């Protein structure tokens, strides 16, 4: 899976880049080896508004798989916490996508098997 990490309104240090890359590469186990078009755009940003106190960090991921595009976003008070929460959200999404792919394959295999049974 190709992972692209960008920072908005903040400096991307090597520690942040390494941490986010380490967390997001653990998601490779949920993606099939055949899918060469898998791409993850990770955008880390620092947002401040006049309604809240302090700095808030936002992590947004755009996941492109064959047959599915997903955008997930979270806002936390700590950047590392935002990356962890986003990784958990992505893993749930990928598990759900993988189980749907399996069930579609099994349904079509079941239909094919029933067609073969009807043949003389």
PDB file of N, CA and C in Angstrom:
ATOM      1  N   UNK A   1       0.848  -1.167   0.000  1.00  0.00           N
ATOM      2  CA  UNK A   1       0.000   0.000   0.000  1.00  0.00           C
ATOM      3  C   UNK A   1       0.893   1.228   0.000  1.00  0.00           C
ATOM      4  N   UNK A   2       0.540   2.154  -0.840  1.00  0.00           N
ATOM      5  CA  UNK A   2       1.277   3.402  -0.928  1.00  0.00           C
ATOM      6  C   UNK A   2       0.715   4.377   0.111  1.00  0.00           C
ATOM      7  N   UNK A   3       1.582   4.952   0.942  1.00  0.00           N
ATOM      8  CA  UNK A   3       1.158   5.859   1.998  1.00  0.00           C
ATOM      9  C   UNK A   3       1.793   7.222   1.762  1.00  0.00           C
ATOM     10  N   UNK A   4       0.955   8.254   1.693  1.00  0.00           N
ATOM     11  CA  UNK A   4       1.407   9.628   1.499  1.00  0.00           C
ATOM     12  C   UNK A   4       1.010  10.423   2.734  1.00  0.00           C
ATOM     13  N   UNK A   5       2.001  11.027   3.407  1.00  0.00           N
ATOM     14  CA  UNK A   5       1.750  11.764   4.642  1.00  0.00           C
ATOM     15  C   UNK A   5       2.071  13.231   4.412  1.00  0.00           C
ATOM     16  N   UNK A   6       1.107  14.096   4.730  1.00  0.00           N
ATOM     17  CA  UNK A   6       1.316  15.532   4.604  1.00  0.00           C
ATOM     18  C   UNK A   6       0.913  16.222   5.898  1.00  0.00           C
ATOM     19  N   UNK A   7       1.508  17.366   6.146  1.00  0.00           N
ATOM     20  CA  UNK A   7       1.187  18.162   7.322  1.00  0.00           C
ATOM     21  C   UNK A   7       0.678  19.528   6.904  1.00  0.00           C
ATOM     22  N   UNK A   8      -0.367  19.990   7.571  1.00  0.00           N
ATOM     23  CA  UNK A   8      -0.957  21.291   7.252  1.00  0.00           C
ATOM     24  C   UNK A   8      -0.916  22.146   8.515  1.00  0.00           C
ATOM     25  N   UNK A   9      -0.394  23.352   8.406  1.00  0.00           N
ATOM     26  CA  UNK A   9      -0.288  24.306   9.505  1.00  0.00           C
ATOM     27  C   UNK A   9       0.585  23.781  10.649  1.00  0.00           C
ATOM     28  N   UNK A  10       1.533  22.948  10.337  1.00  0.00           N
ATOM     29  CA  UNK A  10       2.440  22.412  11.352  1.00  0.00           C
ATOM     30  C   UNK A  10       3.682  21.867  10.670  1.00  0.00           C
ATOM     31  N   UNK A  11       4.746  21.737  11.435  1.00  0.00           N
ATOM     32  CA  UNK A  11       5.975  21.161  10.916  1.00  0.00           C
ATOM     33  C   UNK A  11       5.917  19.640  11.028  1.00  0.00           C
ATOM     34  N   UNK A  12       6.263  18.970   9.947  1.00  0.00           N
ATOM     35  CA  UNK A  12       6.304  17.507   9.949  1.00  0.00           C
ATOM     36  C   UNK A  12       7.705  17.090  10.374  1.00  0.00           C
ATOM     37  N   UNK A  13       7.838  16.691  11.612  1.00  0.00           N
ATOM     38  CA  UNK A  13       9.127  16.217  12.098  1.00  0.00           C
ATOM     39  C   UNK A  13       9.315  14.763  11.702  1.00  0.00           C
ATOM     40  N   UNK A  14      10.540  14.310  11.815  1.00  0.00           N
ATOM     41  CA  UNK A  14      10.826  12.914  11.477  1.00  0.00           C
ATOM     42  C   UNK A  14      10.124  11.963  12.439  1.00  0.00           C
ATOM     43  N   UNK A  15      10.006  12.370  13.698  1.00  0.00           N
ATOM     44  CA  UNK A  15       9.349  11.509  14.690  1.00  0.00           C
ATOM     45  C   UNK A  15       7.867  11.316  14.361  1.00  0.00           C
ATOM     46  N   UNK A  16       7.195  12.390  13.969  1.00  0.00           N
ATOM     47  CA  UNK A  16       5.774  12.301  13.604  1.00  0.00           C
ATOM     48  C   UNK A  16       5.610  11.452  12.352  1.00  0.00           C
ATOM     49  N   UNK A  17       6.464  11.676  11.372  1.00  0.00           N
ATOM     50  CA  UNK A  17       6.381  10.922  10.120  1.00  0.00           C
ATOM     51  C   UNK A  17       6.637   9.434  10.368  1.00  0.00           C
ATOM     52  N   UNK A  18       7.639   9.101  11.155  1.00  0.00           N
ATOM     53  CA  UNK A  18       7.949   7.709  11.448  1.00  0.00           C
ATOM     54  C   UNK A  18       6.826   7.041  12.243  1.00  0.00           C
ATOM     55  N   UNK A  19       6.284   7.746  13.217  1.00  0.00           N
ATOM     56  CA  UNK A  19       5.215   7.182  14.042  1.00  0.00           C
ATOM     57  C   UNK A  19       3.978   6.890  13.208  1.00  0.00           C
ATOM     58  N   UNK A  20       3.576   7.851  12.383  1.00  0.00           N
ATOM     59  CA  UNK A  20       2.379   7.648  11.564  1.00  0.00           C
ATOM     60  C   UNK A  20       2.622   6.583  10.503  1.00  0.00           C
ATOM     61  N   UNK A  21       3.812   6.530   9.950  1.00  0.00           N
ATOM     62  CA  UNK A  21       4.121   5.504   8.961  1.00  0.00           C
ATOM     63  C   UNK A  21       4.111   4.117   9.597  1.00  0.00           C
ATOM     64  N   UNK A  22       4.643   4.014  10.808  1.00  0.00           N
ATOM     65  CA  UNK A  22       4.640   2.737  11.522  1.00  0.00           C
ATOM     66  C   UNK A  22       3.220   2.261  11.807  1.00  0.00           C
ATOM     67  N   UNK A  23       2.358   3.170  12.238  1.00  0.00           N
ATOM     68  CA  UNK A  23       0.971   2.811  12.549  1.00  0.00           C
ATOM     69  C   UNK A  23       0.198   2.424  11.296  1.00  0.00           C
ATOM     70  N   UNK A  24       0.394   3.139  10.212  1.00  0.00           N
ATOM     71  CA  UNK A  24      -0.398   2.895   9.006  1.00  0.00           C
ATOM     72  C   UNK A  24       0.098   1.693   8.216  1.00  0.00           C
ATOM     73  N   UNK A  25       1.376   1.343   8.321  1.00  0.00           N
ATOM     74  CA  UNK A  25       1.845   0.147   7.614  1.00  0.00           C
ATOM     75  C   UNK A  25       1.330  -1.122   8.266  1.00  0.00           C
ATOM     76  N   UNK A  26       0.874  -1.036   9.516  1.00  0.00           N
ATOM     77  CA  UNK A  26       0.293  -2.225  10.145  1.00  0.00           C
ATOM     78  C   UNK A  26      -1.063  -2.580   9.538  1.00  0.00           C
ATOM     79  N   UNK A  27      -1.620  -1.692   8.724  1.00  0.00           N
ATOM     80  CA  UNK A  27      -2.904  -1.958   8.071  1.00  0.00           C
ATOM     81  C   UNK A  27      -2.755  -2.795   6.804  1.00  0.00           C
ATOM     82  N   UNK A  28      -1.521  -3.051   6.390  1.00  0.00           N
ATOM     83  CA  UNK A  28      -1.298  -3.829   5.165  1.00  0.00           C
ATOM     84  C   UNK A  28      -1.862  -5.236   5.244  1.00  0.00           C
ATOM     85  N   UNK A  29      -1.969  -5.774   6.449  1.00  0.00           N
ATOM     86  CA  UNK A  29      -2.463  -7.144   6.587  1.00  0.00           C
ATOM     87  C   UNK A  29      -3.936  -7.272   6.220  1.00  0.00           C
ATOM     88  N   UNK A  30      -4.663  -6.158   6.179  1.00  0.00           N
ATOM     89  CA  UNK A  30      -6.081  -6.195   5.830  1.00  0.00           C
ATOM     90  C   UNK A  30      -6.315  -6.024   4.333  1.00  0.00           C
ATOM     91  N   UNK A  31      -5.291  -5.701   3.594  1.00  0.00           N
ATOM     92  CA  UNK A  31      -5.427  -5.445   2.156  1.00  0.00           C
ATOM     93  C   UNK A  31      -4.882  -6.645   1.395  1.00  0.00           C
ATOM     94  N   UNK A  32      -5.631  -7.072   0.400  1.00  0.00           N
ATOM     95  CA  UNK A  32      -5.194  -8.237  -0.361  1.00  0.00           C
ATOM     96  C   UNK A  32      -3.926  -7.914  -1.145  1.00  0.00           C
ATOM     97  N   UNK A  33      -3.120  -8.929  -1.355  1.00  0.00           N
ATOM     98  CA  UNK A  33      -1.839  -8.753  -2.045  1.00  0.00           C
ATOM     99  C   UNK A  33      -2.034  -8.409  -3.517  1.00  0.00           C
ATOM    100  N   UNK A  34      -3.210  -8.745  -4.073  1.00  0.00           N
ATOM    101  CA  UNK A  34      -3.480  -8.481  -5.485  1.00  0.00           C
ATOM    102  C   UNK A  34      -3.750  -7.003  -5.752  1.00  0.00           C
ATOM    103  N   UNK A  35      -4.184  -6.287  -4.738  1.00  0.00           N
ATOM    104  CA  UNK A  35      -4.591  -4.897  -4.909  1.00  0.00           C
ATOM    105  C   UNK A  35      -3.365  -3.988  -4.940  1.00  0.00           C
ATOM    106  N   UNK A  36      -2.919  -3.672  -6.147  1.00  0.00           N
ATOM    107  CA  UNK A  36      -1.756  -2.793  -6.295  1.00  0.00           C
ATOM    108  C   UNK A  36      -2.159  -1.323  -6.323  1.00  0.00           C
ATOM    109  N   UNK A  37      -3.453  -1.047  -6.409  1.00  0.00           N
ATOM    110  CA  UNK A  37      -3.913   0.330  -6.474  1.00  0.00           C
ATOM    111  C   UNK A  37      -4.227   0.909  -5.093  1.00  0.00           C
ATOM    112  N   UNK A  38      -3.937   0.182  -4.027  1.00  0.00           N
ATOM    113  CA  UNK A  38      -4.241   0.651  -2.672  1.00  0.00           C
ATOM    114  C   UNK A  38      -3.367   1.859  -2.341  1.00  0.00           C
ATOM    115  N   UNK A  39      -4.029   2.933  -1.895  1.00  0.00           N
ATOM    116  CA  UNK A  39      -3.316   4.169  -1.586  1.00  0.00           C
ATOM    117  C   UNK A  39      -3.965   4.824  -0.377  1.00  0.00           C
ATOM    118  N   UNK A  40      -3.156   5.345   0.514  1.00  0.00           N
ATOM    119  CA  UNK A  40      -3.635   6.024   1.705  1.00  0.00           C
ATOM    120  C   UNK A  40      -3.007   7.409   1.766  1.00  0.00           C
ATOM    121  N   UNK A  41      -3.851   8.435   1.709  1.00  0.00           N
ATOM    122  CA  UNK A  41      -3.394   9.813   1.866  1.00  0.00           C
ATOM    123  C   UNK A  41      -3.712  10.236   3.290  1.00  0.00           C
ATOM    124  N   UNK A  42      -2.677  10.493   4.069  1.00  0.00           N
ATOM    125  CA  UNK A  42      -2.838  10.873   5.464  1.00  0.00           C
ATOM    126  C   UNK A  42      -2.481  12.342   5.606  1.00  0.00           C
ATOM    127  N   UNK A  43      -3.421  13.119   6.127  1.00  0.00           N
ATOM    128  CA  UNK A  43      -3.204  14.555   6.300  1.00  0.00           C
ATOM    129  C   UNK A  43      -3.314  14.885   7.784  1.00  0.00           C
ATOM    130  N   UNK A  44      -2.225  15.374   8.342  1.00  0.00           N
ATOM    131  CA  UNK A  44      -2.189  15.759   9.747  1.00  0.00           C
ATOM    132  C   UNK A  44      -2.183  17.283   9.810  1.00  0.00           C
ATOM    133  N   UNK A  45      -3.078  17.843  10.621  1.00  0.00           N
ATOM    134  CA  UNK A  45      -3.158  19.297  10.678  1.00  0.00           C
ATOM    135  C   UNK A  45      -3.389  19.773  12.099  1.00  0.00           C
ATOM    136  N   UNK A  46      -3.033  21.014  12.320  1.00  0.00           N
ATOM    137  CA  UNK A  46      -3.233  21.651  13.610  1.00  0.00           C
ATOM    138  C   UNK A  46      -4.288  22.734  13.420  1.00  0.00           C
ATOM    139  N   UNK A  47      -5.378  22.633  14.170  1.00  0.00           N
ATOM    140  CA  UNK A  47      -6.460  23.596  14.035  1.00  0.00           C
ATOM    141  C   UNK A  47      -6.671  24.321  15.347  1.00  0.00           C
ATOM    142  N   UNK A  48      -6.906  25.591  15.266  1.00  0.00           N
ATOM    143  CA  UNK A  48      -7.268  26.368  16.444  1.00  0.00           C
ATOM    144  C   UNK A  48      -8.479  27.199  16.076  1.00  0.00           C
ATOM    145  N   UNK A  49      -9.396  27.287  16.988  1.00  0.00           N
ATOM    146  CA  UNK A  49     -10.568  28.123  16.787  1.00  0.00           C
ATOM    147  C   UNK A  49     -10.742  29.002  18.009  1.00  0.00           C
ATOM    148  N   UNK A  50     -11.455  30.072  17.871  1.00  0.00           N
ATOM    149  CA  UNK A  50     -11.613  30.978  18.988  1.00  0.00           C
ATOM    150  C   UNK A  50     -12.646  30.479  19.997  1.00  0.00           C
ATOM    151  N   UNK A  51     -13.358  29.420  19.674  1.00  0.00           N
ATOM    152  CA  UNK A  51     -14.355  28.865  20.591  1.00  0.00           C
ATOM    153  C   UNK A  51     -13.755  27.887  21.596  1.00  0.00           C
ATOM    154  N   UNK A  52     -12.613  27.315  21.261  1.00  0.00           N
ATOM    155  CA  UNK A  52     -12.007  26.321  22.134  1.00  0.00           C
ATOM    156  C   UNK A  52     -10.647  26.815  22.603  1.00  0.00           C
ATOM    157  N   UNK A  53     -10.175  26.254  23.686  1.00  0.00           N
ATOM    158  CA  UNK A  53      -8.887  26.647  24.229  1.00  0.00           C
ATOM    159  C   UNK A  53      -7.835  25.647  23.799  1.00  0.00           C
ATOM    160  N   UNK A  54      -6.682  26.143  23.444  1.00  0.00           N
ATOM    161  CA  UNK A  54      -5.580  25.268  23.090  1.00  0.00           C
ATOM    162  C   UNK A  54      -5.611  24.845  21.637  1.00  0.00           C
ATOM    163  N   UNK A  55      -4.656  24.052  21.304  1.00  0.00           N
ATOM    164  CA  UNK A  55      -4.539  23.557  19.930  1.00  0.00           C
ATOM    165  C   UNK A  55      -5.153  22.174  19.822  1.00  0.00           C
ATOM    166  N   UNK A  56      -5.832  21.946  18.754  1.00  0.00           N
ATOM    167  CA  UNK A  56      -6.400  20.636  18.481  1.00  0.00           C
ATOM    168  C   UNK A  56      -5.788  20.110  17.203  1.00  0.00           C
ATOM    169  N   UNK A  57      -5.571  18.827  17.199  1.00  0.00           N
ATOM    170  CA  UNK A  57      -4.943  18.182  16.056  1.00  0.00           C
ATOM    171  C   UNK A  57      -5.972  17.326  15.328  1.00  0.00           C
ATOM    172  N   UNK A  58      -5.928  17.426  14.023  1.00  0.00           N
ATOM    173  CA  UNK A  58      -6.864  16.686  13.188  1.00  0.00           C
ATOM    174  C   UNK A  58      -6.075  15.731  12.308  1.00  0.00           C
ATOM    175  N   UNK A  59      -6.540  14.513  12.219  1.00  0.00           N
ATOM    176  CA  UNK A  59      -5.949  13.509  11.340  1.00  0.00           C
ATOM    177  C   UNK A  59      -7.038  13.057  10.374  1.00  0.00           C
ATOM    178  N   UNK A  60      -6.740  13.149   9.097  1.00  0.00           N
ATOM    179  CA  UNK A  60      -7.700  12.767   8.060  1.00  0.00           C
ATOM    180  C   UNK A  60      -7.035  11.775   7.120  1.00  0.00           C
ATOM    181  N   UNK A  61      -7.769  10.722   6.786  1.00  0.00           N
ATOM    182  CA  UNK A  61      -7.243   9.694   5.894  1.00  0.00           C
ATOM    183  C   UNK A  61      -8.204   9.506   4.729  1.00  0.00           C
ATOM    184  N   UNK A  62      -7.646   9.478   3.542  1.00  0.00           N
ATOM    185  CA  UNK A  62      -8.398   9.156   2.334  1.00  0.00           C
ATOM    186  C   UNK A  62      -7.838   7.832   1.825  1.00  0.00           C
ATOM    187  N   UNK A  63      -8.655   6.809   1.903  1.00  0.00           N
ATOM    188  CA  UNK A  63      -8.250   5.464   1.540  1.00  0.00           C
ATOM    189  C   UNK A  63      -8.854   5.114   0.186  1.00  0.00           C
ATOM    190  N   UNK A  64      -7.987   4.747  -0.751  1.00  0.00           N
ATOM    191  CA  UNK A  64      -8.426   4.370  -2.092  1.00  0.00           C
ATOM    192  C   UNK A  64      -8.075   2.899  -2.303  1.00  0.00           C
ATOM    193  N   UNK A  65      -9.100   2.079  -2.411  1.00  0.00           N
ATOM    194  CA  UNK A  65      -8.934   0.666  -2.727  1.00  0.00           C
ATOM    195  C   UNK A  65      -9.622   0.392  -4.050  1.00  0.00           C
ATOM    196  N   UNK A  66      -9.382  -0.777  -4.614  1.00  0.00           N
ATOM    197  CA  UNK A  66     -10.091  -1.122  -5.834  1.00  0.00           C
ATOM    198  C   UNK A  66     -11.561  -1.328  -5.488  1.00  0.00           C
ATOM    199  N   UNK A  67     -12.399  -0.460  -5.976  1.00  0.00           N
ATOM    200  CA  UNK A  67     -13.829  -0.581  -5.731  1.00  0.00           C
ATOM    201  C   UNK A  67     -14.336   0.204  -4.542  1.00  0.00           C
ATOM    202  N   UNK A  68     -13.481   0.920  -3.828  1.00  0.00           N
ATOM    203  CA  UNK A  68     -13.946   1.642  -2.647  1.00  0.00           C
ATOM    204  C   UNK A  68     -13.040   2.832  -2.349  1.00  0.00           C
ATOM    205  N   UNK A  69     -13.662   3.974  -2.082  1.00  0.00           N
ATOM    206  CA  UNK A  69     -12.961   5.169  -1.616  1.00  0.00           C
ATOM    207  C   UNK A  69     -13.601   5.599  -0.311  1.00  0.00           C
ATOM    208  N   UNK A  70     -12.780   5.838   0.704  1.00  0.00           N
ATOM    209  CA  UNK A  70     -13.274   6.177   2.026  1.00  0.00           C
ATOM    210  C   UNK A  70     -12.483   7.351   2.582  1.00  0.00           C
ATOM    211  N   UNK A  71     -13.180   8.260   3.252  1.00  0.00           N
ATOM    212  CA  UNK A  71     -12.533   9.363   3.943  1.00  0.00           C
ATOM    213  C   UNK A  71     -12.933   9.314   5.404  1.00  0.00           C
ATOM    214  N   UNK A  72     -11.951   9.300   6.282  1.00  0.00           N
ATOM    215  CA  UNK A  72     -12.185   9.266   7.725  1.00  0.00           C
ATOM    216  C   UNK A  72     -11.437  10.422   8.372  1.00  0.00           C
ATOM    217  N   UNK A  73     -12.019  11.001   9.431  1.00  0.00           N
ATOM    218  CA  UNK A  73     -11.425  12.164  10.075  1.00  0.00           C
ATOM    219  C   UNK A  73     -11.658  12.096  11.578  1.00  0.00           C
ATOM    220  N   UNK A  74     -10.681  12.520  12.346  1.00  0.00           N
ATOM    221  CA  UNK A  74     -10.818  12.602  13.789  1.00  0.00           C
ATOM    222  C   UNK A  74     -10.069  13.834  14.290  1.00  0.00           C
ATOM    223  N   UNK A  75     -10.555  14.390  15.398  1.00  0.00           N
ATOM    224  CA  UNK A  75      -9.926  15.537  16.038  1.00  0.00           C
ATOM    225  C   UNK A  75      -9.682  15.193  17.497  1.00  0.00           C
ATOM    226  N   UNK A  76      -8.448  15.354  17.934  1.00  0.00           N
ATOM    227  CA  UNK A  76      -8.058  15.029  19.305  1.00  0.00           C
ATOM    228  C   UNK A  76      -7.188  16.151  19.861  1.00  0.00           C
ATOM    229  N   UNK A  77      -6.960  16.119  21.166  1.00  0.00           N
ATOM    230  CA  UNK A  77      -6.118  17.137  21.775  1.00  0.00           C
ATOM    231  C   UNK A  77      -4.628  16.807  21.682  1.00  0.00           C
ATOM    232  N   UNK A  78      -4.286  15.582  21.265  1.00  0.00           N
ATOM    233  CA  UNK A  78      -2.906  15.160  21.095  1.00  0.00           C
ATOM    234  C   UNK A  78      -2.753  14.552  19.707  1.00  0.00           C
ATOM    235  N   UNK A  79      -1.670  14.892  19.024  1.00  0.00           N
ATOM    236  CA  UNK A  79      -1.474  14.413  17.653  1.00  0.00           C
ATOM    237  C   UNK A  79      -1.294  12.897  17.606  1.00  0.00           C
ATOM    238  N   UNK A  80      -0.537  12.351  18.524  1.00  0.00           N
ATOM    239  CA  UNK A  80      -0.315  10.908  18.533  1.00  0.00           C
ATOM    240  C   UNK A  80      -1.606  10.151  18.852  1.00  0.00           C
ATOM    241  N   UNK A  81      -2.423  10.730  19.689  1.00  0.00           N
ATOM    242  CA  UNK A  81      -3.724  10.131  20.006  1.00  0.00           C
ATOM    243  C   UNK A  81      -4.630  10.157  18.774  1.00  0.00           C
ATOM    244  N   UNK A  82      -4.572  11.243  18.009  1.00  0.00           N
ATOM    245  CA  UNK A  82      -5.366  11.349  16.779  1.00  0.00           C
ATOM    246  C   UNK A  82      -4.937  10.301  15.760  1.00  0.00           C
ATOM    247  N   UNK A  83      -3.640  10.052  15.660  1.00  0.00           N
ATOM    248  CA  UNK A  83      -3.139   9.035  14.729  1.00  0.00           C
ATOM    249  C   UNK A  83      -3.596   7.649  15.164  1.00  0.00           C
ATOM    250  N   UNK A  84      -3.546   7.374  16.465  1.00  0.00           N
ATOM    251  CA  UNK A  84      -3.991   6.075  16.975  1.00  0.00           C
ATOM    252  C   UNK A  84      -5.476   5.842  16.740  1.00  0.00           C
ATOM    253  N   UNK A  85      -6.285   6.856  17.005  1.00  0.00           N
ATOM    254  CA  UNK A  85      -7.738   6.736  16.806  1.00  0.00           C
ATOM    255  C   UNK A  85      -8.045   6.527  15.336  1.00  0.00           C
ATOM    256  N   UNK A  86      -7.354   7.253  14.471  1.00  0.00           N
ATOM    257  CA  UNK A  86      -7.572   7.112  13.033  1.00  0.00           C
ATOM    258  C   UNK A  86      -7.169   5.726  12.545  1.00  0.00           C
ATOM    259  N   UNK A  87      -6.088   5.183  13.087  1.00  0.00           N
ATOM    260  CA  UNK A  87      -5.669   3.822  12.713  1.00  0.00           C
ATOM    261  C   UNK A  87      -6.732   2.801  13.103  1.00  0.00           C
ATOM    262  N   UNK A  88      -7.311   2.972  14.285  1.00  0.00           N
ATOM    263  CA  UNK A  88      -8.377   2.063  14.718  1.00  0.00           C
ATOM    264  C   UNK A  88      -9.597   2.171  13.811  1.00  0.00           C
ATOM    265  N   UNK A  89      -9.944   3.395  13.426  1.00  0.00           N
ATOM    266  CA  UNK A  89     -11.082   3.593  12.530  1.00  0.00           C
ATOM    267  C   UNK A  89     -10.817   2.946  11.170  1.00  0.00           C
ATOM    268  N   UNK A  90      -9.603   3.110  10.664  1.00  0.00           N
ATOM    269  CA  UNK A  90      -9.247   2.512   9.377  1.00  0.00           C
ATOM    270  C   UNK A  90      -9.240   0.994   9.444  1.00  0.00           C
ATOM    271  N   UNK A  91      -8.769   0.434  10.541  1.00  0.00           N
ATOM    272  CA  UNK A  91      -8.742  -1.027  10.644  1.00  0.00           C
ATOM    273  C   UNK A  91     -10.160  -1.591  10.678  1.00  0.00           C
ATOM    274  N   UNK A  92     -11.070  -0.920  11.384  1.00  0.00           N
ATOM    275  CA  UNK A  92     -12.473  -1.377  11.376  1.00  0.00           C
ATOM    276  C   UNK A  92     -13.060  -1.298   9.968  1.00  0.00           C
ATOM    277  N   UNK A  93     -12.762  -0.241   9.276  1.00  0.00           N
ATOM    278  CA  UNK A  93     -13.278  -0.066   7.914  1.00  0.00           C
ATOM    279  C   UNK A  93     -12.718  -1.144   6.976  1.00  0.00           C
ATOM    280  N   UNK A  94     -11.440  -1.441   7.101  1.00  0.00           N
ATOM    281  CA  UNK A  94     -10.820  -2.440   6.230  1.00  0.00           C
ATOM    282  C   UNK A  94     -11.306  -3.851   6.537  1.00  0.00           C
ATOM    283  N   UNK A  95     -11.526  -4.166   7.804  1.00  0.00           N
ATOM    284  CA  UNK A  95     -12.063  -5.486   8.170  1.00  0.00           C
ATOM    285  C   UNK A  95     -13.458  -5.647   7.587  1.00  0.00           C
ATOM    286  N   UNK A  96     -14.241  -4.598   7.674  1.00  0.00           N
ATOM    287  CA  UNK A  96     -15.600  -4.641   7.122  1.00  0.00           C
ATOM    288  C   UNK A  96     -15.563  -4.825   5.611  1.00  0.00           C
ATOM    289  N   UNK A  97     -14.664  -4.130   4.931  1.00  0.00           N
ATOM    290  CA  UNK A  97     -14.533  -4.241   3.476  1.00  0.00           C
ATOM    291  C   UNK A  97     -14.079  -5.648   3.082  1.00  0.00           C
ATOM    292  N   UNK A  98     -13.141  -6.204   3.838  1.00  0.00           N
ATOM    293  CA  UNK A  98     -12.622  -7.539   3.524  1.00  0.00           C
ATOM    294  C   UNK A  98     -13.697  -8.599   3.720  1.00  0.00           C
ATOM    295  N   UNK A  99     -14.507  -8.462   4.775  1.00  0.00           N
ATOM    296  CA  UNK A  99     -15.564  -9.453   5.004  1.00  0.00           C
ATOM    297  C   UNK A  99     -16.647  -9.357   3.934  1.00  0.00           C
ATOM    298  N   UNK A 100     -16.912  -8.154   3.439  1.00  0.00           N
ATOM    299  CA  UNK A 100     -17.881  -8.010   2.349  1.00  0.00           C
ATOM    300  C   UNK A 100     -17.359  -8.665   1.079  1.00  0.00           C
ATOM    301  N   UNK A 101     -16.065  -8.489   0.792  1.00  0.00           N
ATOM    302  CA  UNK A 101     -15.489  -9.130  -0.385  1.00  0.00           C
ATOM    303  C   UNK A 101     -15.596 -10.643  -0.287  1.00  0.00           C
ATOM    304  N   UNK A 102     -15.317 -11.185   0.893  1.00  0.00           N
ATOM    305  CA  UNK A 102     -15.405 -12.633   1.087  1.00  0.00           C
ATOM    306  C   UNK A 102     -16.825 -13.129   0.919  1.00  0.00           C
ATOM    307  N   UNK A 103     -17.792 -12.416   1.468  1.00  0.00           N
ATOM    308  CA  UNK A 103     -19.169 -12.883   1.388  1.00  0.00           C
ATOM    309  C   UNK A 103     -19.671 -12.828  -0.057  1.00  0.00           C
ATOM    310  N   UNK A 104     -19.272 -11.826  -0.818  1.00  0.00           N
ATOM    311  CA  UNK A 104     -19.668 -11.762  -2.229  1.00  0.00           C
ATOM    312  C   UNK A 104     -19.051 -12.929  -2.987  1.00  0.00           C
ATOM    313  N   UNK A 105     -17.795 -13.244  -2.704  1.00  0.00           N
ATOM    314  CA  UNK A 105     -17.135 -14.360  -3.366  1.00  0.00           C
ATOM    315  C   UNK A 105     -17.819 -15.675  -3.009  1.00  0.00           C
ATOM    316  N   UNK A 106     -18.149 -15.850  -1.746  1.00  0.00           N
ATOM    317  CA  UNK A 106     -18.789 -17.096  -1.309  1.00  0.00           C
ATOM    318  C   UNK A 106     -20.190 -17.237  -1.882  1.00  0.00           C
ATOM    319  N   UNK A 107     -20.930 -16.133  -1.995  1.00  0.00           N
ATOM    320  CA  UNK A 107     -22.267 -16.192  -2.588  1.00  0.00           C
ATOM    321  C   UNK A 107     -22.186 -16.606  -4.050  1.00  0.00           C
ATOM    322  N   UNK A 108     -21.240 -16.018  -4.768  1.00  0.00           N
ATOM    323  CA  UNK A 108     -21.130 -16.378  -6.181  1.00  0.00           C
ATOM    324  C   UNK A 108     -20.600 -17.797  -6.347  1.00  0.00           C
ATOM    325  N   UNK A 109     -19.743 -18.259  -5.450  1.00  0.00           N
ATOM    326  CA  UNK A 109     -19.272 -19.640  -5.515  1.00  0.00           C
ATOM    327  C   UNK A 109     -20.415 -20.606  -5.219  1.00  0.00           C
ATOM    328  N   UNK A 110     -21.273 -20.234  -4.292  1.00  0.00           N
ATOM    329  CA  UNK A 110     -22.422 -21.076  -3.965  1.00  0.00           C
ATOM    330  C   UNK A 110     -23.382 -21.170  -5.160  1.00  0.00           C
ATOM    331  N   UNK A 111     -23.605 -20.061  -5.843  1.00  0.00           N
ATOM    332  CA  UNK A 111     -24.476 -20.067  -7.025  1.00  0.00           C
ATOM    333  C   UNK A 111     -23.869 -20.923  -8.130  1.00  0.00           C
ATOM    334  N   UNK A 112     -22.569 -20.813  -8.304  1.00  0.00           N
ATOM    335  CA  UNK A 112     -21.893 -21.601  -9.328  1.00  0.00           C
ATOM    336  C   UNK A 112     -21.968 -23.094  -8.995  1.00  0.00           C
ATOM    337  N   UNK A 113     -21.824 -23.428  -7.742  1.00  0.00           N
ATOM    338  CA  UNK A 113     -21.905 -24.819  -7.325  1.00  0.00           C
ATOM    339  C   UNK A 113     -23.317 -25.372  -7.557  1.00  0.00           C
ATOM    340  N   UNK A 114     -24.328 -24.579  -7.276  1.00  0.00           N
ATOM    341  CA  UNK A 114     -25.692 -25.046  -7.508  1.00  0.00           C
ATOM    342  C   UNK A 114     -25.973 -25.213  -9.002  1.00  0.00           C
ATOM    343  N   UNK A 115     -25.357 -24.381  -9.838  1.00  0.00           N
ATOM    344  CA  UNK A 115     -25.518 -24.549 -11.288  1.00  0.00           C
ATOM    345  C   UNK A 115     -24.878 -25.849 -11.759  1.00  0.00           C
ATOM    346  N   UNK A 116     -23.716 -26.182 -11.213  1.00  0.00           N
ATOM    347  CA  UNK A 116     -23.060 -27.424 -11.580  1.00  0.00           C
ATOM    348  C   UNK A 116     -23.841 -28.646 -11.126  1.00  0.00           C
ATOM    349  N   UNK A 117     -24.522 -28.545 -10.011  1.00  0.00           N
ATOM    350  CA  UNK A 117     -25.329 -29.657  -9.524  1.00  0.00           C
ATOM    351  C   UNK A 117     -26.508 -29.938 -10.438  1.00  0.00           C
ATOM    352  N   UNK A 118     -27.016 -28.912 -11.105  1.00  0.00           N
ATOM    353  CA  UNK A 118     -28.175 -29.076 -11.994  1.00  0.00           C
ATOM    354  C   UNK A 118     -27.793 -29.697 -13.322  1.00  0.00           C
ATOM    355  N   UNK A 119     -26.509 -29.666 -13.664  1.00  0.00           N
ATOM    356  CA  UNK A 119     -26.067 -30.262 -14.930  1.00  0.00           C
ATOM    357  C   UNK A 119     -26.136 -31.784 -14.840  1.00  0.00           C
ATOM    358  N   UNK A 120     -26.481 -32.452 -15.981  1.00  0.00           N
ATOM    359  CA  UNK A 120     -26.564 -33.925 -15.962  1.00  0.00           C
ATOM    360  C   UNK A 120     -25.223 -34.583 -15.905  1.00  0.00           C
TER     361      UNK A 120
END
